[in-house]
Amino acid sequence: MEHKPVYYGKYLQLDKIIEAQEPESFKEGNLPAHDEMLFIIIHQAYELWFKQILFEVNSVIAIMSKPRVNDNSPEMQTVVHRMQRVVTIFRVIVQQIDILETMTPMDFLDFRDMLRPASGFQSWQFKIIEARLGLKYQQRHGQEYYISQLDQKEIDIIKEAENGASVIELVNNWLERMPFAEDNNYWPAGETYWVQYEKIYTESLAEGEKDNLALFRKIFFDANNDGEHLLSSKACRSALFIMLYRGYPMMEMPFQLLNSLLEIDNQLGNWRYRHINMVRRMIGTRIGTGGSTGAGYLQGAMDKHYIFKEISQLSSFLIDRKKLPALPDELSSALGYNF
């Protein structure tokens, strides 16, 4: 088939993108506010990055929704690679605030009142990202407000995302099938890895940490999930095992996946923190253009919207690597390179 020439501007549809900025203050009868152009372009860039994040996350969900993912196949490498790309995009999103902060509070006031009731809070793509990653409605801060200013079409898309498979749910399923710490092929009957580990962990606790033991048993051995946790006890045991033995070749890729999830939470936290400080600098204690409490709402969301916090909390139960239980030879071989 003969190749049809492709031209830069047409391929990127630059005529649509470059002409997609229509500042309110530039319209007839208003005094043009120079910084409104920057404000629009920054937020358009955000939405483009959100689109790319959704593209990556949806592809990861598609791979991990298969009946079984082969950990030794390119599929898992692809999942890790794309989640690490999401992390990098979030870092860029955080850095873009540096550009937005070149606008002073007085520069913003030149056009702020013209934006009502438009607000970044109406970004339906960002809400879908949160839902796809695993943020549930009951975990949201400001539940009564979060879709109140969206069109029904956007609300339906968000609800569909909330009802579909999420990254954290699929990671839970993936972790639950990891056999190493509990497989009878590796451990003698009646002897489990976790009996040894709990003993060592208990001995490692300082006097003021003794209450941690009850929490340890609840998180790792309570089969009756109270509905508030996104990770099962079995999944938590597998995640902790991966953290403890990440130096083994078989554990390297799983650890990178868990670490990328933690870094996504970290970058989302950084983004919210920078956003809070910027809002306080720009409008102080005034309400947002969309009617929210401004910095107050953002603070509440930052404190509550940690999607992978159950993975990060596992660090409370790590022990000194020099005291780790010795793995049976067969298991060490299975986790290493086989020649």
Foldseek 3Di string as FASTA:
>chain_A
DDDDDDDDCVVVVVVCVVPVDDAPQPDPPHPDQVCSSVVVVLVVVVLVLLVLLCVLLVVLCVLLVPPDHDLPDCNLVSNLVSLLVNLVSLVVNLVSVVVVLVQALVSCVSCQLVQFPDDPLQSLSVLLSLLQQPDALVLADPSVPSCPPYDPVSVVSSVVSNPDHHNLLSLQVNLLPDCQQPDCVFPPPPDTQVVLLLVQLCVPDDPVCNVVSVVLCCQQPPQDDPPPDSHGNSSLVSLLVLVLPVVFQSSVSVVSSLVSLVSSLVSVLSSLVSQLVSQCRNPNQDPHSNGHRTSVRSVVRSVRSRRSVSSVVSVVRDDDSVSRDDTGPVSSCVRHDDD
